[in-house]
């Protein structure tokens, strides 16, 4: 019986982790404008960075990407959407944090953590490159220099 339960857990976790597409979902940006995720990645790659105000590595990653963001937008069309996964208690700090850090990204709010749950509740920071709604690159955690790998992966999908 224990083996059967263990087998079921392994199968379930591998299925939930191996999502290859984002769900058809609509999120709102900081101004309340509705954004459909699948529309963002039509015919071009986009980066989705999942973060929270309490996540120090998330902040470091988004700050590191900010340094080259405008140049990469002009050069290769690099586009990043920062998806806040804050709960009801920390959600009010999202706009303050974004404004204070002067991030140039569009920030979306996943108030109910629908996408994170769909992806199997991975740890954040979580960075995805999505093209035509297919996940073509996935990276969790952040170490200095990881943004360079992200840029190289992005270039592969232009």
C-alpha atoms as a PDB file:
ATOM      1  CA  UNK A   1       0.000   0.000   0.000  1.00  0.00           C
ATOM      2  CA  UNK A   2       2.844   2.402   0.856  1.00  0.00           C
ATOM      3  CA  UNK A   3       4.421   1.769  -2.545  1.00  0.00           C
ATOM      4  CA  UNK A   4       1.140   2.525  -4.302  1.00  0.00           C
ATOM      5  CA  UNK A   5       0.752   5.819  -2.426  1.00  0.00           C
ATOM      6  CA  UNK A   6       4.361   6.768  -3.154  1.00  0.00           C
ATOM      7  CA  UNK A   7       3.890   5.931  -6.843  1.00  0.00           C
ATOM      8  CA  UNK A   8       0.734   8.066  -7.018  1.00  0.00           C
ATOM      9  CA  UNK A   9       2.531  10.991  -5.374  1.00  0.00           C
ATOM     10  CA  UNK A  10       5.438  10.762  -7.820  1.00  0.00           C
ATOM     11  CA  UNK A  11       3.108  10.625 -10.816  1.00  0.00           C
ATOM     12  CA  UNK A  12       0.984  13.521  -9.557  1.00  0.00           C
ATOM     13  CA  UNK A  13       3.981  15.751  -8.798  1.00  0.00           C
ATOM     14  CA  UNK A  14       5.604  15.062 -12.170  1.00  0.00           C
ATOM     15  CA  UNK A  15       2.374  15.879 -14.000  1.00  0.00           C
ATOM     16  CA  UNK A  16       1.878  19.151 -12.142  1.00  0.00           C
ATOM     17  CA  UNK A  17       5.530  20.193 -12.548  1.00  0.00           C
ATOM     18  CA  UNK A  18       5.716  19.424 -16.236  1.00  0.00           C
ATOM     19  CA  UNK A  19       3.146  21.957 -17.442  1.00  0.00           C
ATOM     20  CA  UNK A  20       4.180  23.092 -20.898  1.00  0.00           C
ATOM     21  CA  UNK A  21       1.621  25.868 -21.387  1.00  0.00           C
ATOM     22  CA  UNK A  22       0.211  28.688 -19.348  1.00  0.00           C
ATOM     23  CA  UNK A  23      -3.480  28.548 -18.524  1.00  0.00           C
ATOM     24  CA  UNK A  24      -5.979  30.777 -20.303  1.00  0.00           C
ATOM     25  CA  UNK A  25      -6.178  33.365 -17.591  1.00  0.00           C
ATOM     26  CA  UNK A  26      -6.823  37.080 -17.258  1.00  0.00           C
ATOM     27  CA  UNK A  27      -4.880  39.134 -14.714  1.00  0.00           C
ATOM     28  CA  UNK A  28      -5.019  42.824 -13.880  1.00  0.00           C
ATOM     29  CA  UNK A  29      -2.116  45.242 -13.929  1.00  0.00           C
ATOM     30  CA  UNK A  30      -1.519  47.828 -11.193  1.00  0.00           C
ATOM     31  CA  UNK A  31      -4.010  50.208 -12.845  1.00  0.00           C
ATOM     32  CA  UNK A  32      -6.761  47.585 -12.999  1.00  0.00           C
ATOM     33  CA  UNK A  33      -6.438  46.939 -16.746  1.00  0.00           C
ATOM     34  CA  UNK A  34      -7.218  43.331 -17.694  1.00  0.00           C
ATOM     35  CA  UNK A  35      -4.478  41.406 -19.497  1.00  0.00           C
ATOM     36  CA  UNK A  36      -4.884  37.969 -21.105  1.00  0.00           C
ATOM     37  CA  UNK A  37      -1.628  36.034 -20.709  1.00  0.00           C
ATOM     38  CA  UNK A  38      -1.969  34.002 -23.889  1.00  0.00           C
ATOM     39  CA  UNK A  39      -2.263  37.207 -25.939  1.00  0.00           C
ATOM     40  CA  UNK A  40       1.072  38.503 -24.641  1.00  0.00           C
ATOM     41  CA  UNK A  41       3.154  35.703 -26.127  1.00  0.00           C
ATOM     42  CA  UNK A  42       1.616  35.456 -29.603  1.00  0.00           C
ATOM     43  CA  UNK A  43       4.352  35.261 -32.236  1.00  0.00           C
ATOM     44  CA  UNK A  44       7.093  36.440 -29.880  1.00  0.00           C
ATOM     45  CA  UNK A  45       8.766  35.303 -26.697  1.00  0.00           C
ATOM     46  CA  UNK A  46       7.985  37.076 -23.429  1.00  0.00           C
ATOM     47  CA  UNK A  47       9.399  36.634 -19.959  1.00  0.00           C
ATOM     48  CA  UNK A  48       7.165  36.085 -16.955  1.00  0.00           C
ATOM     49  CA  UNK A  49       8.890  36.630 -13.634  1.00  0.00           C
ATOM     50  CA  UNK A  50       6.924  35.477 -10.589  1.00  0.00           C
ATOM     51  CA  UNK A  51       7.817  37.400  -7.444  1.00  0.00           C
ATOM     52  CA  UNK A  52       6.522  38.663  -4.094  1.00  0.00           C
ATOM     53  CA  UNK A  53       7.343  41.653  -1.919  1.00  0.00           C
ATOM     54  CA  UNK A  54       8.680  39.391   0.846  1.00  0.00           C
ATOM     55  CA  UNK A  55      11.045  37.504  -1.530  1.00  0.00           C
ATOM     56  CA  UNK A  56      14.551  39.014  -1.431  1.00  0.00           C
ATOM     57  CA  UNK A  57      15.934  36.884  -4.320  1.00  0.00           C
ATOM     58  CA  UNK A  58      12.939  37.999  -6.419  1.00  0.00           C
ATOM     59  CA  UNK A  59      13.793  41.636  -5.841  1.00  0.00           C
ATOM     60  CA  UNK A  60      17.455  41.056  -6.650  1.00  0.00           C
ATOM     61  CA  UNK A  61      16.550  39.299  -9.902  1.00  0.00           C
ATOM     62  CA  UNK A  62      14.192  42.026 -11.081  1.00  0.00           C
ATOM     63  CA  UNK A  63      16.701  44.726 -10.078  1.00  0.00           C
ATOM     64  CA  UNK A  64      19.467  42.944 -12.038  1.00  0.00           C
ATOM     65  CA  UNK A  65      17.306  42.629 -15.164  1.00  0.00           C
ATOM     66  CA  UNK A  66      16.313  46.305 -14.877  1.00  0.00           C
ATOM     67  CA  UNK A  67      19.918  47.375 -15.501  1.00  0.00           C
ATOM     68  CA  UNK A  68      19.862  46.132 -19.116  1.00  0.00           C
ATOM     69  CA  UNK A  69      16.120  46.158 -19.755  1.00  0.00           C
ATOM     70  CA  UNK A  70      15.704  49.270 -21.913  1.00  0.00           C
ATOM     71  CA  UNK A  71      18.743  48.404 -24.038  1.00  0.00           C
ATOM     72  CA  UNK A  72      17.538  44.816 -24.535  1.00  0.00           C
ATOM     73  CA  UNK A  73      14.051  46.023 -25.450  1.00  0.00           C
ATOM     74  CA  UNK A  74      15.480  48.139 -28.242  1.00  0.00           C
ATOM     75  CA  UNK A  75      18.067  45.567 -29.333  1.00  0.00           C
ATOM     76  CA  UNK A  76      16.101  42.286 -29.305  1.00  0.00           C
ATOM     77  CA  UNK A  77      12.537  43.181 -28.273  1.00  0.00           C
ATOM     78  CA  UNK A  78      13.040  41.759 -24.764  1.00  0.00           C
ATOM     79  CA  UNK A  79       9.798  42.010 -22.804  1.00  0.00           C
ATOM     80  CA  UNK A  80       9.197  41.046 -19.178  1.00  0.00           C
ATOM     81  CA  UNK A  81       5.992  40.895 -17.160  1.00  0.00           C
ATOM     82  CA  UNK A  82       6.503  40.781 -13.402  1.00  0.00           C
ATOM     83  CA  UNK A  83       3.686  38.748 -11.850  1.00  0.00           C
ATOM     84  CA  UNK A  84       3.176  39.492  -8.157  1.00  0.00           C
ATOM     85  CA  UNK A  85       2.103  36.490  -6.115  1.00  0.00           C
ATOM     86  CA  UNK A  86       1.484  38.398  -2.885  1.00  0.00           C
ATOM     87  CA  UNK A  87      -1.408  37.367  -0.683  1.00  0.00           C
ATOM     88  CA  UNK A  88      -4.048  39.703   0.741  1.00  0.00           C
ATOM     89  CA  UNK A  89      -1.781  40.815   3.611  1.00  0.00           C
ATOM     90  CA  UNK A  90       1.221  41.819   1.498  1.00  0.00           C
ATOM     91  CA  UNK A  91      -0.615  42.860  -1.701  1.00  0.00           C
ATOM     92  CA  UNK A  92      -0.894  46.535  -0.641  1.00  0.00           C
ATOM     93  CA  UNK A  93       2.941  46.763  -0.666  1.00  0.00           C
ATOM     94  CA  UNK A  94       3.242  45.718  -4.337  1.00  0.00           C
ATOM     95  CA  UNK A  95       2.684  49.148  -5.900  1.00  0.00           C
ATOM     96  CA  UNK A  96       4.890  50.853  -3.308  1.00  0.00           C
ATOM     97  CA  UNK A  97       7.707  48.374  -3.972  1.00  0.00           C
ATOM     98  CA  UNK A  98       7.412  48.707  -7.756  1.00  0.00           C
ATOM     99  CA  UNK A  99       7.366  52.503  -7.607  1.00  0.00           C
ATOM    100  CA  UNK A 100      10.281  52.614  -5.168  1.00  0.00           C
ATOM    101  CA  UNK A 101      12.437  50.412  -7.379  1.00  0.00           C
ATOM    102  CA  UNK A 102      11.341  52.177 -10.590  1.00  0.00           C
ATOM    103  CA  UNK A 103      10.892  48.906 -12.448  1.00  0.00           C
ATOM    104  CA  UNK A 104      10.085  49.483 -16.114  1.00  0.00           C
ATOM    105  CA  UNK A 105       8.095  46.259 -16.378  1.00  0.00           C
ATOM    106  CA  UNK A 106       4.374  45.767 -16.600  1.00  0.00           C
ATOM    107  CA  UNK A 107       3.381  44.344 -13.219  1.00  0.00           C
ATOM    108  CA  UNK A 108       0.455  41.932 -13.106  1.00  0.00           C
ATOM    109  CA  UNK A 109      -1.353  40.709  -9.991  1.00  0.00           C
ATOM    110  CA  UNK A 110      -2.072  37.018  -9.509  1.00  0.00           C
ATOM    111  CA  UNK A 111      -4.196  37.637  -6.409  1.00  0.00           C
ATOM    112  CA  UNK A 112      -5.382  34.054  -6.072  1.00  0.00           C
ATOM    113  CA  UNK A 113      -2.069  32.444  -7.149  1.00  0.00           C
ATOM    114  CA  UNK A 114      -3.921  30.692  -9.945  1.00  0.00           C
ATOM    115  CA  UNK A 115      -0.897  30.454 -12.225  1.00  0.00           C
ATOM    116  CA  UNK A 116       1.465  29.317  -9.485  1.00  0.00           C
ATOM    117  CA  UNK A 117      -0.984  26.594  -8.463  1.00  0.00           C
ATOM    118  CA  UNK A 118      -1.401  25.560 -12.097  1.00  0.00           C
ATOM    119  CA  UNK A 119       2.389  25.261 -12.426  1.00  0.00           C
ATOM    120  CA  UNK A 120       2.542  22.952  -9.415  1.00  0.00           C
ATOM    121  CA  UNK A 121       3.305  25.518  -6.679  1.00  0.00           C
ATOM    122  CA  UNK A 122       6.960  26.071  -7.604  1.00  0.00           C
ATOM    123  CA  UNK A 123       9.265  28.195  -5.501  1.00  0.00           C
ATOM    124  CA  UNK A 124       9.751  31.822  -6.410  1.00  0.00           C
ATOM    125  CA  UNK A 125      11.485  33.543  -7.958  1.00  0.00           C
ATOM    126  CA  UNK A 126      10.315  31.641 -10.988  1.00  0.00           C
ATOM    127  CA  UNK A 127      11.189  32.880 -14.452  1.00  0.00           C
ATOM    128  CA  UNK A 128       9.559  31.566 -17.608  1.00  0.00           C
ATOM    129  CA  UNK A 129      10.067  32.350 -21.256  1.00  0.00           C
ATOM    130  CA  UNK A 130       6.804  31.756 -23.090  1.00  0.00           C
ATOM    131  CA  UNK A 131       6.211  31.835 -26.824  1.00  0.00           C
ATOM    132  CA  UNK A 132       2.821  31.157 -28.420  1.00  0.00           C
ATOM    133  CA  UNK A 133       1.623  30.296 -24.896  1.00  0.00           C
ATOM    134  CA  UNK A 134       4.168  27.426 -24.655  1.00  0.00           C
ATOM    135  CA  UNK A 135       6.733  27.446 -21.879  1.00  0.00           C
ATOM    136  CA  UNK A 136      10.095  27.217 -23.660  1.00  0.00           C
ATOM    137  CA  UNK A 137      12.363  27.990 -20.675  1.00  0.00           C
ATOM    138  CA  UNK A 138      11.930  27.653 -16.928  1.00  0.00           C
ATOM    139  CA  UNK A 139      14.294  28.746 -14.159  1.00  0.00           C
ATOM    140  CA  UNK A 140      13.733  28.879 -10.431  1.00  0.00           C
ATOM    141  CA  UNK A 141      15.837  30.791  -7.876  1.00  0.00           C
ATOM    142  CA  UNK A 142      18.296  33.584  -8.515  1.00  0.00           C
ATOM    143  CA  UNK A 143      22.036  33.956  -8.331  1.00  0.00           C
ATOM    144  CA  UNK A 144      23.978  36.935  -9.663  1.00  0.00           C
ATOM    145  CA  UNK A 145      24.632  36.420 -13.365  1.00  0.00           C
ATOM    146  CA  UNK A 146      21.510  34.301 -13.951  1.00  0.00           C
ATOM    147  CA  UNK A 147      20.058  37.186 -15.931  1.00  0.00           C
ATOM    148  CA  UNK A 148      22.755  36.651 -18.596  1.00  0.00           C
ATOM    149  CA  UNK A 149      21.544  33.070 -19.095  1.00  0.00           C
ATOM    150  CA  UNK A 150      17.996  34.419 -19.376  1.00  0.00           C
ATOM    151  CA  UNK A 151      19.026  36.842 -22.127  1.00  0.00           C
ATOM    152  CA  UNK A 152      20.787  34.066 -24.075  1.00  0.00           C
ATOM    153  CA  UNK A 153      17.772  31.785 -23.787  1.00  0.00           C
ATOM    154  CA  UNK A 154      15.487  34.594 -24.911  1.00  0.00           C
ATOM    155  CA  UNK A 155      17.600  35.180 -28.028  1.00  0.00           C
ATOM    156  CA  UNK A 156      17.179  31.501 -28.990  1.00  0.00           C
ATOM    157  CA  UNK A 157      13.404  31.981 -29.301  1.00  0.00           C
ATOM    158  CA  UNK A 158      13.231  35.231 -31.252  1.00  0.00           C
END
